[in-house]
Amino acid sequence: MTSVRYADASPAERSEGQPAPAVSAPNAGAVDFCDVFRDFGAYVPGLLRRLGVAEREVEDVAQDVFTVVHRRLPAFRGDATVKTWVCGITLRVARSHLRLARVRKLFLGEPPVEPSREPTQLESALLNERMRLLQRALDELPEPQRRVFVLYELEELSIAEIAKLLGRSEKTAYTRLYTAREKVERSLRRALASGGKP
């Protein structure tokens, strides 16, 4: 993976670690868990953040993802790339976690707001601001649209791969992507016009 197709974001903007490699689907039984963890250990937390998992919970949910990866790896047949396979597991774990988070919020109320980290350099501040605006735009999307947008625009999966992961038709995936793009662009335009304020 060499670039991100939305808003000229650089690979560094996609996660704190390295972007996920475009790993080809190997033969069944040829994938080692240590290799998967090495290649995707930094990628999965970034994807979880973009899917809406709260920062304070990302590490725990990422551990859940890799627990599932470890358990299911012997059954990996190579029908898709390792990246697509890991994306599918991450998506399902995140979806389950977010459902539980909504239940907890209903009964326990809003969680405390985490303090934001002060940037040390101007470049870091600009990068954080761009990511903040994009994250806020993603937070405004309904989950079905958000999932398609994140997987296509940020994770660079094809519409065919996304449709298969979500169990939907390609037409539905395209429709959700188109709608999500419009909403994200409107949100970013509003944010820029107001100087980045809500």
N, C-alpha and C. Protein backbone atom coordinates (compact mmCIF):
# COMPACT_ATOMS: atom_id res chain seq x y z
N MET A 1 0.86 -1.18 0.00
CA MET A 1 0.00 0.00 0.00
C MET A 1 0.89 1.22 0.00
N THR A 2 0.71 2.08 -0.94
CA THR A 2 1.63 3.20 -1.07
C THR A 2 0.98 4.54 -0.82
N SER A 3 -0.34 4.63 -0.86
CA SER A 3 -0.97 5.94 -0.70
C SER A 3 -2.38 5.78 -0.21
N VAL A 4 -2.94 6.91 0.21
CA VAL A 4 -4.33 6.96 0.63
C VAL A 4 -5.07 7.84 -0.34
N ARG A 5 -6.27 7.40 -0.74
CA ARG A 5 -6.96 8.08 -1.82
C ARG A 5 -7.82 9.24 -1.37
N TYR A 6 -7.91 9.50 -0.08
CA TYR A 6 -8.82 10.58 0.35
C TYR A 6 -8.06 11.74 0.97
N ALA A 7 -8.34 12.92 0.49
CA ALA A 7 -7.81 14.16 1.06
C ALA A 7 -6.28 14.18 1.12
N ASP A 8 -5.63 13.47 0.19
CA ASP A 8 -4.18 13.48 0.11
C ASP A 8 -3.51 13.10 1.42
N ALA A 9 -4.14 12.25 2.20
CA ALA A 9 -3.54 11.82 3.46
C ALA A 9 -2.36 10.92 3.17
N SER A 10 -1.29 11.08 3.96
CA SER A 10 -0.10 10.27 3.77
C SER A 10 -0.24 8.97 4.53
N PRO A 11 0.60 7.95 4.25
CA PRO A 11 0.52 6.70 5.00
C PRO A 11 0.66 6.92 6.50
N ALA A 12 1.49 7.90 6.90
CA ALA A 12 1.68 8.15 8.33
C ALA A 12 0.40 8.62 8.98
N GLU A 13 -0.50 9.25 8.19
CA GLU A 13 -1.74 9.75 8.74
C GLU A 13 -2.74 8.63 8.96
N ARG A 14 -2.51 7.46 8.37
CA ARG A 14 -3.50 6.40 8.43
C ARG A 14 -3.41 5.63 9.73
N SER A 15 -2.23 5.57 10.33
CA SER A 15 -2.10 4.92 11.63
C SER A 15 -0.77 5.34 12.21
N GLU A 16 -0.62 5.10 13.52
CA GLU A 16 0.62 5.49 14.17
C GLU A 16 1.78 4.59 13.75
N GLY A 17 1.46 3.41 13.27
CA GLY A 17 2.48 2.48 12.80
C GLY A 17 2.55 2.49 11.30
N GLN A 18 3.12 1.45 10.75
CA GLN A 18 3.24 1.36 9.31
C GLN A 18 1.90 1.00 8.69
N PRO A 19 1.65 1.48 7.45
CA PRO A 19 0.42 1.07 6.77
C PRO A 19 0.46 -0.41 6.48
N ALA A 20 -0.72 -1.01 6.37
CA ALA A 20 -0.78 -2.45 6.15
C ALA A 20 -0.23 -2.81 4.79
N PRO A 21 0.62 -3.83 4.72
CA PRO A 21 1.15 -4.25 3.43
C PRO A 21 0.08 -4.96 2.62
N ALA A 22 0.20 -4.87 1.31
CA ALA A 22 -0.74 -5.57 0.43
C ALA A 22 -0.25 -6.99 0.27
N VAL A 23 -0.53 -7.84 1.24
CA VAL A 23 -0.04 -9.21 1.26
C VAL A 23 -0.87 -10.07 0.33
N SER A 24 -0.21 -10.84 -0.49
CA SER A 24 -0.93 -11.74 -1.39
C SER A 24 -1.44 -12.94 -0.61
N ALA A 25 -2.52 -13.53 -1.10
CA ALA A 25 -3.07 -14.71 -0.44
C ALA A 25 -2.15 -15.89 -0.67
N PRO A 26 -1.58 -16.46 0.39
CA PRO A 26 -0.69 -17.60 0.23
C PRO A 26 -1.47 -18.91 0.20
N ASN A 27 -0.76 -20.00 0.09
CA ASN A 27 -1.41 -21.29 0.15
C ASN A 27 -1.88 -21.55 1.58
N ALA A 28 -2.91 -22.36 1.72
CA ALA A 28 -3.43 -22.68 3.04
C ALA A 28 -2.33 -23.26 3.91
N GLY A 29 -2.28 -22.82 5.16
CA GLY A 29 -1.29 -23.32 6.10
C GLY A 29 0.06 -22.66 5.98
N ALA A 30 0.24 -21.73 5.05
CA ALA A 30 1.54 -21.09 4.85
C ALA A 30 1.69 -19.80 5.63
N VAL A 31 0.66 -19.40 6.37
CA VAL A 31 0.71 -18.14 7.09
C VAL A 31 1.00 -18.40 8.56
N ASP A 32 2.01 -17.71 9.07
CA ASP A 32 2.40 -17.85 10.47
C ASP A 32 1.84 -16.68 11.27
N PHE A 33 1.34 -16.95 12.48
CA PHE A 33 0.74 -15.90 13.30
C PHE A 33 1.73 -14.78 13.59
N CYS A 34 2.96 -15.13 13.86
CA CYS A 34 3.97 -14.09 14.15
C CYS A 34 4.14 -13.14 12.97
N ASP A 35 4.09 -13.68 11.74
CA ASP A 35 4.19 -12.84 10.55
C ASP A 35 2.99 -11.91 10.43
N VAL A 36 1.80 -12.46 10.70
CA VAL A 36 0.58 -11.64 10.63
C VAL A 36 0.63 -10.53 11.66
N PHE A 37 1.04 -10.87 12.88
CA PHE A 37 1.12 -9.86 13.94
C PHE A 37 2.16 -8.80 13.61
N ARG A 38 3.30 -9.22 13.06
CA ARG A 38 4.34 -8.26 12.67
C ARG A 38 3.83 -7.30 11.60
N ASP A 39 3.12 -7.84 10.61
CA ASP A 39 2.66 -7.02 9.50
C ASP A 39 1.47 -6.14 9.84
N PHE A 40 0.63 -6.61 10.78
CA PHE A 40 -0.63 -5.90 11.04
C PHE A 40 -0.79 -5.41 12.48
N GLY A 41 0.24 -5.58 13.29
CA GLY A 41 0.15 -5.18 14.69
C GLY A 41 -0.09 -3.69 14.89
N ALA A 42 0.45 -2.86 14.03
CA ALA A 42 0.23 -1.42 14.12
C ALA A 42 -0.97 -0.98 13.28
N TYR A 43 -1.31 -1.78 12.30
CA TYR A 43 -2.40 -1.44 11.37
C TYR A 43 -3.77 -1.62 12.00
N VAL A 44 -3.97 -2.71 12.74
CA VAL A 44 -5.28 -3.00 13.32
C VAL A 44 -5.75 -1.90 14.28
N PRO A 45 -4.91 -1.40 15.20
CA PRO A 45 -5.38 -0.32 16.08
C PRO A 45 -5.82 0.93 15.31
N GLY A 46 -5.10 1.28 14.25
CA GLY A 46 -5.50 2.43 13.44
C GLY A 46 -6.84 2.23 12.77
N LEU A 47 -7.08 1.01 12.27
CA LEU A 47 -8.36 0.70 11.65
C LEU A 47 -9.48 0.76 12.69
N LEU A 48 -9.23 0.25 13.88
CA LEU A 48 -10.24 0.29 14.94
C LEU A 48 -10.62 1.73 15.28
N ARG A 49 -9.64 2.62 15.34
CA ARG A 49 -9.93 4.03 15.62
C ARG A 49 -10.83 4.61 14.54
N ARG A 50 -10.50 4.30 13.29
CA ARG A 50 -11.30 4.85 12.19
C ARG A 50 -12.70 4.27 12.15
N LEU A 51 -12.87 3.10 12.70
CA LEU A 51 -14.20 2.48 12.76
C LEU A 51 -15.01 2.97 13.96
N GLY A 52 -14.39 3.79 14.82
CA GLY A 52 -15.13 4.42 15.90
C GLY A 52 -14.87 3.88 17.30
N VAL A 53 -13.90 2.99 17.45
CA VAL A 53 -13.57 2.49 18.78
C VAL A 53 -12.86 3.58 19.57
N ALA A 54 -13.28 3.81 20.81
CA ALA A 54 -12.69 4.87 21.64
C ALA A 54 -11.22 4.58 21.91
N GLU A 55 -10.43 5.65 21.96
CA GLU A 55 -8.98 5.51 22.14
C GLU A 55 -8.63 4.66 23.36
N ARG A 56 -9.33 4.87 24.46
CA ARG A 56 -9.00 4.15 25.69
C ARG A 56 -9.28 2.64 25.58
N GLU A 57 -10.03 2.23 24.54
CA GLU A 57 -10.40 0.83 24.39
C GLU A 57 -9.71 0.15 23.22
N VAL A 58 -8.95 0.92 22.44
CA VAL A 58 -8.35 0.38 21.21
C VAL A 58 -7.43 -0.79 21.51
N GLU A 59 -6.57 -0.66 22.52
CA GLU A 59 -5.60 -1.72 22.80
C GLU A 59 -6.30 -3.03 23.15
N ASP A 60 -7.32 -2.95 24.01
CA ASP A 60 -8.04 -4.17 24.40
C ASP A 60 -8.77 -4.80 23.22
N VAL A 61 -9.40 -3.96 22.38
CA VAL A 61 -10.13 -4.50 21.24
C VAL A 61 -9.16 -5.09 20.22
N ALA A 62 -7.99 -4.46 20.05
CA ALA A 62 -6.98 -5.00 19.14
C ALA A 62 -6.52 -6.38 19.62
N GLN A 63 -6.39 -6.56 20.93
CA GLN A 63 -6.03 -7.87 21.47
C GLN A 63 -7.11 -8.90 21.14
N ASP A 64 -8.37 -8.46 21.22
CA ASP A 64 -9.47 -9.36 20.86
C ASP A 64 -9.36 -9.78 19.39
N VAL A 65 -9.03 -8.80 18.53
CA VAL A 65 -8.88 -9.09 17.09
C VAL A 65 -7.82 -10.17 16.88
N PHE A 66 -6.66 -10.00 17.51
CA PHE A 66 -5.57 -10.94 17.28
C PHE A 66 -5.82 -12.29 17.97
N THR A 67 -6.65 -12.30 19.00
CA THR A 67 -7.07 -13.57 19.58
C THR A 67 -7.88 -14.36 18.56
N VAL A 68 -8.79 -13.66 17.86
CA VAL A 68 -9.60 -14.31 16.82
C VAL A 68 -8.71 -14.73 15.65
N VAL A 69 -7.78 -13.86 15.26
CA VAL A 69 -6.86 -14.19 14.17
C VAL A 69 -6.09 -15.46 14.51
N HIS A 70 -5.56 -15.54 15.72
CA HIS A 70 -4.79 -16.71 16.14
C HIS A 70 -5.64 -17.97 16.10
N ARG A 71 -6.88 -17.86 16.58
CA ARG A 71 -7.76 -19.02 16.64
C ARG A 71 -8.17 -19.50 15.24
N ARG A 72 -8.38 -18.56 14.33
CA ARG A 72 -8.90 -18.92 13.01
C ARG A 72 -7.82 -19.12 11.95
N LEU A 73 -6.59 -18.79 12.27
CA LEU A 73 -5.53 -18.86 11.26
C LEU A 73 -5.36 -20.25 10.66
N PRO A 74 -5.47 -21.32 11.43
CA PRO A 74 -5.33 -22.65 10.81
C PRO A 74 -6.37 -22.93 9.72
N ALA A 75 -7.51 -22.24 9.80
CA ALA A 75 -8.56 -22.47 8.80
C ALA A 75 -8.45 -21.51 7.61
N PHE A 76 -7.46 -20.60 7.63
CA PHE A 76 -7.30 -19.65 6.53
C PHE A 76 -6.91 -20.39 5.26
N ARG A 77 -7.74 -20.26 4.22
CA ARG A 77 -7.54 -21.02 2.99
C ARG A 77 -6.88 -20.22 1.87
N GLY A 78 -6.72 -18.94 2.07
CA GLY A 78 -6.12 -18.13 1.01
C GLY A 78 -7.10 -17.70 -0.05
N ASP A 79 -8.41 -17.70 0.27
CA ASP A 79 -9.40 -17.25 -0.71
C ASP A 79 -9.32 -15.74 -0.94
N ALA A 80 -8.77 -15.01 0.02
CA ALA A 80 -8.59 -13.56 -0.08
C ALA A 80 -7.18 -13.24 0.39
N THR A 81 -6.76 -11.99 0.24
CA THR A 81 -5.46 -11.60 0.77
C THR A 81 -5.52 -11.63 2.29
N VAL A 82 -4.36 -11.72 2.92
CA VAL A 82 -4.31 -11.69 4.38
C VAL A 82 -4.88 -10.38 4.88
N LYS A 83 -4.61 -9.29 4.17
CA LYS A 83 -5.13 -7.99 4.58
C LYS A 83 -6.66 -7.99 4.61
N THR A 84 -7.28 -8.49 3.56
CA THR A 84 -8.74 -8.53 3.51
C THR A 84 -9.29 -9.41 4.62
N TRP A 85 -8.64 -10.52 4.87
CA TRP A 85 -9.07 -11.44 5.92
C TRP A 85 -8.98 -10.77 7.29
N VAL A 86 -7.85 -10.10 7.57
CA VAL A 86 -7.67 -9.41 8.85
C VAL A 86 -8.68 -8.26 8.97
N CYS A 87 -8.92 -7.54 7.86
CA CYS A 87 -9.92 -6.47 7.86
C CYS A 87 -11.29 -7.00 8.24
N GLY A 88 -11.66 -8.14 7.69
CA GLY A 88 -12.97 -8.72 7.99
C GLY A 88 -13.11 -9.06 9.46
N ILE A 89 -12.07 -9.66 10.04
CA ILE A 89 -12.11 -9.99 11.47
C ILE A 89 -12.17 -8.71 12.30
N THR A 90 -11.36 -7.71 11.94
CA THR A 90 -11.35 -6.44 12.68
C THR A 90 -12.72 -5.78 12.62
N LEU A 91 -13.33 -5.80 11.46
CA LEU A 91 -14.64 -5.20 11.28
C LEU A 91 -15.68 -5.87 12.17
N ARG A 92 -15.68 -7.20 12.20
CA ARG A 92 -16.67 -7.91 13.01
C ARG A 92 -16.44 -7.70 14.51
N VAL A 93 -15.18 -7.71 14.94
CA VAL A 93 -14.89 -7.48 16.36
C VAL A 93 -15.27 -6.06 16.75
N ALA A 94 -14.95 -5.08 15.90
CA ALA A 94 -15.29 -3.69 16.18
C ALA A 94 -16.80 -3.51 16.25
N ARG A 95 -17.52 -4.12 15.33
CA ARG A 95 -18.98 -3.99 15.30
C ARG A 95 -19.58 -4.54 16.60
N SER A 96 -19.09 -5.70 17.04
CA SER A 96 -19.57 -6.29 18.28
C SER A 96 -19.24 -5.39 19.47
N HIS A 97 -18.02 -4.87 19.49
CA HIS A 97 -17.61 -4.00 20.59
C HIS A 97 -18.45 -2.73 20.64
N LEU A 98 -18.72 -2.13 19.49
CA LEU A 98 -19.49 -0.88 19.45
C LEU A 98 -20.93 -1.10 19.90
N ARG A 99 -21.49 -2.27 19.58
CA ARG A 99 -22.83 -2.58 20.08
C ARG A 99 -22.84 -2.63 21.61
N LEU A 100 -21.85 -3.31 22.18
CA LEU A 100 -21.75 -3.40 23.63
C LEU A 100 -21.49 -2.02 24.25
N ALA A 101 -20.69 -1.20 23.57
CA ALA A 101 -20.40 0.14 24.08
C ALA A 101 -21.67 0.98 24.15
N ARG A 102 -22.56 0.82 23.15
CA ARG A 102 -23.82 1.58 23.18
C ARG A 102 -24.68 1.15 24.36
N VAL A 103 -24.66 -0.15 24.67
CA VAL A 103 -25.43 -0.64 25.82
C VAL A 103 -24.85 -0.09 27.12
N ARG A 104 -23.51 -0.12 27.23
CA ARG A 104 -22.87 0.41 28.44
C ARG A 104 -23.17 1.90 28.61
N LYS A 105 -23.14 2.63 27.49
CA LYS A 105 -23.41 4.07 27.54
C LYS A 105 -24.85 4.31 28.01
N LEU A 106 -25.77 3.49 27.54
CA LEU A 106 -27.18 3.65 27.90
C LEU A 106 -27.37 3.51 29.41
N PHE A 107 -26.65 2.54 30.01
CA PHE A 107 -26.84 2.27 31.44
C PHE A 107 -25.89 3.06 32.34
N LEU A 108 -24.71 3.39 31.84
CA LEU A 108 -23.70 4.02 32.69
C LEU A 108 -23.48 5.49 32.37
N GLY A 109 -24.03 5.98 31.27
CA GLY A 109 -23.84 7.38 30.91
C GLY A 109 -22.59 7.60 30.08
N GLU A 110 -22.30 8.88 29.82
CA GLU A 110 -21.15 9.24 28.98
C GLU A 110 -19.84 8.94 29.70
N PRO A 111 -18.84 8.39 28.98
CA PRO A 111 -17.52 8.18 29.59
C PRO A 111 -16.80 9.51 29.74
N PRO A 112 -15.82 9.59 30.65
CA PRO A 112 -15.08 10.84 30.81
C PRO A 112 -14.31 11.19 29.54
N VAL A 113 -14.19 12.48 29.27
CA VAL A 113 -13.47 12.94 28.08
C VAL A 113 -11.98 12.83 28.32
N GLU A 114 -11.27 12.25 27.37
CA GLU A 114 -9.83 12.09 27.52
C GLU A 114 -9.12 13.40 27.15
N PRO A 115 -8.10 13.76 27.90
CA PRO A 115 -7.36 14.97 27.55
C PRO A 115 -6.62 14.78 26.23
N SER A 116 -6.59 15.82 25.41
CA SER A 116 -5.88 15.73 24.13
C SER A 116 -4.39 15.94 24.35
N ARG A 117 -3.59 15.29 23.55
CA ARG A 117 -2.14 15.40 23.66
C ARG A 117 -1.65 16.66 22.96
N GLU A 118 -0.81 17.40 23.65
CA GLU A 118 -0.26 18.63 23.07
C GLU A 118 0.81 18.29 22.05
N PRO A 119 0.70 18.78 20.80
CA PRO A 119 1.74 18.51 19.80
C PRO A 119 3.03 19.24 20.14
N THR A 120 4.14 18.68 19.73
CA THR A 120 5.44 19.27 20.04
C THR A 120 6.00 20.08 18.88
N GLN A 121 5.44 19.87 17.67
CA GLN A 121 5.94 20.58 16.49
C GLN A 121 4.76 21.04 15.66
N LEU A 122 5.00 22.07 14.84
CA LEU A 122 3.95 22.60 13.97
C LEU A 122 3.44 21.52 13.02
N GLU A 123 4.34 20.74 12.46
CA GLU A 123 3.93 19.69 11.53
C GLU A 123 3.00 18.68 12.21
N SER A 124 3.35 18.32 13.43
CA SER A 124 2.51 17.39 14.17
C SER A 124 1.14 18.00 14.46
N ALA A 125 1.13 19.29 14.76
CA ALA A 125 -0.14 19.96 15.03
C ALA A 125 -1.04 19.98 13.80
N LEU A 126 -0.45 20.27 12.64
CA LEU A 126 -1.24 20.30 11.40
C LEU A 126 -1.78 18.91 11.06
N LEU A 127 -0.93 17.90 11.24
CA LEU A 127 -1.35 16.53 10.97
C LEU A 127 -2.50 16.13 11.90
N ASN A 128 -2.35 16.44 13.18
CA ASN A 128 -3.39 16.09 14.14
C ASN A 128 -4.70 16.80 13.82
N GLU A 129 -4.60 18.05 13.36
CA GLU A 129 -5.81 18.80 13.03
C GLU A 129 -6.54 18.18 11.84
N ARG A 130 -5.79 17.80 10.82
CA ARG A 130 -6.41 17.17 9.65
C ARG A 130 -7.09 15.86 10.05
N MET A 131 -6.41 15.07 10.87
CA MET A 131 -6.98 13.80 11.29
C MET A 131 -8.18 14.01 12.21
N ARG A 132 -8.14 15.07 13.01
CA ARG A 132 -9.27 15.36 13.90
C ARG A 132 -10.51 15.70 13.09
N LEU A 133 -10.33 16.51 12.06
CA LEU A 133 -11.46 16.89 11.23
C LEU A 133 -12.03 15.68 10.49
N LEU A 134 -11.13 14.83 9.98
CA LEU A 134 -11.60 13.64 9.28
C LEU A 134 -12.30 12.69 10.24
N GLN A 135 -11.72 12.51 11.44
CA GLN A 135 -12.34 11.62 12.42
C GLN A 135 -13.72 12.14 12.81
N ARG A 136 -13.85 13.46 12.97
CA ARG A 136 -15.15 14.03 13.33
C ARG A 136 -16.17 13.80 12.21
N ALA A 137 -15.70 13.94 10.97
CA ALA A 137 -16.60 13.67 9.84
C ALA A 137 -17.02 12.21 9.83
N LEU A 138 -16.10 11.30 10.14
CA LEU A 138 -16.43 9.88 10.18
C LEU A 138 -17.42 9.59 11.31
N ASP A 139 -17.25 10.27 12.44
CA ASP A 139 -18.15 10.05 13.58
C ASP A 139 -19.59 10.44 13.28
N GLU A 140 -19.78 11.33 12.30
CA GLU A 140 -21.12 11.78 11.95
C GLU A 140 -21.85 10.81 11.02
N LEU A 141 -21.11 9.86 10.45
CA LEU A 141 -21.70 8.93 9.49
C LEU A 141 -22.45 7.80 10.20
N PRO A 142 -23.55 7.34 9.64
CA PRO A 142 -24.16 6.09 10.13
C PRO A 142 -23.16 4.95 9.94
N GLU A 143 -23.19 3.97 10.82
CA GLU A 143 -22.17 2.91 10.80
C GLU A 143 -22.05 2.18 9.45
N PRO A 144 -23.16 1.84 8.77
CA PRO A 144 -23.00 1.14 7.48
C PRO A 144 -22.21 1.97 6.46
N GLN A 145 -22.46 3.28 6.41
CA GLN A 145 -21.74 4.14 5.48
C GLN A 145 -20.29 4.32 5.93
N ARG A 146 -20.10 4.44 7.22
CA ARG A 146 -18.75 4.63 7.76
C ARG A 146 -17.86 3.44 7.43
N ARG A 147 -18.40 2.24 7.60
CA ARG A 147 -17.61 1.04 7.34
C ARG A 147 -17.15 1.00 5.88
N VAL A 148 -18.06 1.26 4.96
CA VAL A 148 -17.70 1.22 3.54
C VAL A 148 -16.67 2.31 3.22
N PHE A 149 -16.88 3.52 3.74
CA PHE A 149 -15.96 4.62 3.48
C PHE A 149 -14.56 4.29 3.99
N VAL A 150 -14.47 3.83 5.23
CA VAL A 150 -13.17 3.52 5.82
C VAL A 150 -12.46 2.42 5.04
N LEU A 151 -13.20 1.35 4.73
CA LEU A 151 -12.58 0.22 4.04
C LEU A 151 -12.14 0.58 2.63
N TYR A 152 -12.89 1.44 1.95
CA TYR A 152 -12.55 1.79 0.57
C TYR A 152 -11.53 2.93 0.50
N GLU A 153 -11.85 4.06 1.13
CA GLU A 153 -11.02 5.25 0.99
C GLU A 153 -9.72 5.18 1.79
N LEU A 154 -9.76 4.57 2.97
CA LEU A 154 -8.58 4.56 3.82
C LEU A 154 -7.82 3.23 3.77
N GLU A 155 -8.55 2.13 3.71
CA GLU A 155 -7.89 0.83 3.71
C GLU A 155 -7.66 0.28 2.31
N GLU A 156 -8.21 0.94 1.30
CA GLU A 156 -7.98 0.62 -0.11
C GLU A 156 -8.44 -0.78 -0.52
N LEU A 157 -9.50 -1.26 0.10
CA LEU A 157 -10.11 -2.50 -0.38
C LEU A 157 -10.98 -2.17 -1.58
N SER A 158 -11.17 -3.16 -2.44
CA SER A 158 -12.04 -2.96 -3.60
C SER A 158 -13.50 -3.08 -3.17
N ILE A 159 -14.39 -2.56 -4.01
CA ILE A 159 -15.82 -2.66 -3.72
C ILE A 159 -16.24 -4.13 -3.64
N ALA A 160 -15.67 -4.95 -4.50
CA ALA A 160 -16.01 -6.38 -4.48
C ALA A 160 -15.61 -7.01 -3.14
N GLU A 161 -14.42 -6.66 -2.64
CA GLU A 161 -13.97 -7.20 -1.35
C GLU A 161 -14.86 -6.71 -0.21
N ILE A 162 -15.21 -5.41 -0.27
CA ILE A 162 -16.05 -4.83 0.78
C ILE A 162 -17.43 -5.48 0.79
N ALA A 163 -18.01 -5.63 -0.39
CA ALA A 163 -19.34 -6.24 -0.48
C ALA A 163 -19.32 -7.65 0.10
N LYS A 164 -18.27 -8.40 -0.18
CA LYS A 164 -18.16 -9.76 0.36
C LYS A 164 -18.01 -9.73 1.87
N LEU A 165 -17.18 -8.82 2.39
CA LEU A 165 -16.97 -8.72 3.84
C LEU A 165 -18.26 -8.38 4.57
N LEU A 166 -19.05 -7.47 3.99
CA LEU A 166 -20.25 -6.98 4.65
C LEU A 166 -21.49 -7.82 4.34
N GLY A 167 -21.35 -8.74 3.40
CA GLY A 167 -22.50 -9.55 3.03
C GLY A 167 -23.57 -8.75 2.30
N ARG A 168 -23.15 -7.78 1.50
CA ARG A 168 -24.06 -6.93 0.75
C ARG A 168 -23.68 -6.97 -0.73
N SER A 169 -24.59 -6.48 -1.58
CA SER A 169 -24.29 -6.43 -3.01
C SER A 169 -23.31 -5.29 -3.28
N GLU A 170 -22.62 -5.38 -4.42
CA GLU A 170 -21.71 -4.31 -4.80
C GLU A 170 -22.47 -3.01 -5.01
N LYS A 171 -23.68 -3.09 -5.53
CA LYS A 171 -24.49 -1.89 -5.74
C LYS A 171 -24.76 -1.19 -4.40
N THR A 172 -25.10 -1.97 -3.38
CA THR A 172 -25.33 -1.39 -2.06
C THR A 172 -24.07 -0.75 -1.52
N ALA A 173 -22.92 -1.43 -1.70
CA ALA A 173 -21.65 -0.87 -1.22
C ALA A 173 -21.33 0.43 -1.94
N TYR A 174 -21.53 0.48 -3.26
CA TYR A 174 -21.30 1.71 -4.02
C TYR A 174 -22.21 2.84 -3.53
N THR A 175 -23.48 2.51 -3.30
CA THR A 175 -24.43 3.54 -2.85
C THR A 175 -24.01 4.11 -1.50
N ARG A 176 -23.62 3.24 -0.59
CA ARG A 176 -23.18 3.70 0.73
C ARG A 176 -21.91 4.53 0.63
N LEU A 177 -20.99 4.12 -0.24
CA LEU A 177 -19.75 4.86 -0.42
C LEU A 177 -20.04 6.26 -0.98
N TYR A 178 -20.88 6.33 -2.00
CA TYR A 178 -21.22 7.61 -2.63
C TYR A 178 -21.85 8.56 -1.61
N THR A 179 -22.80 8.04 -0.84
CA THR A 179 -23.47 8.86 0.17
C THR A 179 -22.49 9.31 1.25
N ALA A 180 -21.63 8.39 1.69
CA ALA A 180 -20.65 8.72 2.73
C ALA A 180 -19.68 9.79 2.24
N ARG A 181 -19.22 9.66 0.99
CA ARG A 181 -18.31 10.67 0.44
C ARG A 181 -18.93 12.06 0.48
N GLU A 182 -20.19 12.15 0.05
CA GLU A 182 -20.86 13.46 0.05
C GLU A 182 -20.93 14.03 1.46
N LYS A 183 -21.27 13.20 2.42
CA LYS A 183 -21.40 13.67 3.80
C LYS A 183 -20.06 14.09 4.38
N VAL A 184 -19.02 13.31 4.12
CA VAL A 184 -17.69 13.65 4.62
C VAL A 184 -17.20 14.95 4.00
N GLU A 185 -17.39 15.09 2.70
CA GLU A 185 -16.95 16.32 2.03
C GLU A 185 -17.69 17.54 2.57
N ARG A 186 -19.00 17.41 2.80
CA ARG A 186 -19.77 18.52 3.36
C ARG A 186 -19.27 18.87 4.77
N SER A 187 -19.00 17.85 5.55
CA SER A 187 -18.52 18.06 6.91
C SER A 187 -17.17 18.76 6.91
N LEU A 188 -16.27 18.33 6.03
CA LEU A 188 -14.95 18.94 5.97
C LEU A 188 -15.03 20.38 5.47
N ARG A 189 -15.92 20.64 4.49
CA ARG A 189 -16.09 22.01 4.00
C ARG A 189 -16.61 22.93 5.10
N ARG A 190 -17.59 22.43 5.88
CA ARG A 190 -18.12 23.23 7.00
C ARG A 190 -17.03 23.51 8.03
N ALA A 191 -16.24 22.48 8.33
CA ALA A 191 -15.18 22.64 9.33
C ALA A 191 -14.13 23.65 8.87
N LEU A 192 -13.75 23.57 7.61
CA LEU A 192 -12.77 24.51 7.08
C LEU A 192 -13.30 25.93 7.04
N ALA A 193 -14.59 26.06 6.69
CA ALA A 193 -15.20 27.39 6.62
C ALA A 193 -15.31 28.03 8.01
N SER A 194 -15.44 27.18 9.03
CA SER A 194 -15.59 27.72 10.39
C SER A 194 -14.27 27.70 11.16
N GLY A 195 -13.18 27.45 10.44
CA GLY A 195 -11.88 27.44 11.09
C GLY A 195 -11.64 26.19 11.92
N GLY A 196 -12.33 25.11 11.60
CA GLY A 196 -12.12 23.86 12.31
C GLY A 196 -12.96 23.71 13.55
N LYS A 197 -13.85 24.67 13.82
CA LYS A 197 -14.71 24.59 15.01
C LYS A 197 -15.97 23.79 14.68
N PRO A 198 -16.55 23.12 15.70
CA PRO A 198 -17.77 22.35 15.47
C PRO A 198 -18.90 23.21 14.96
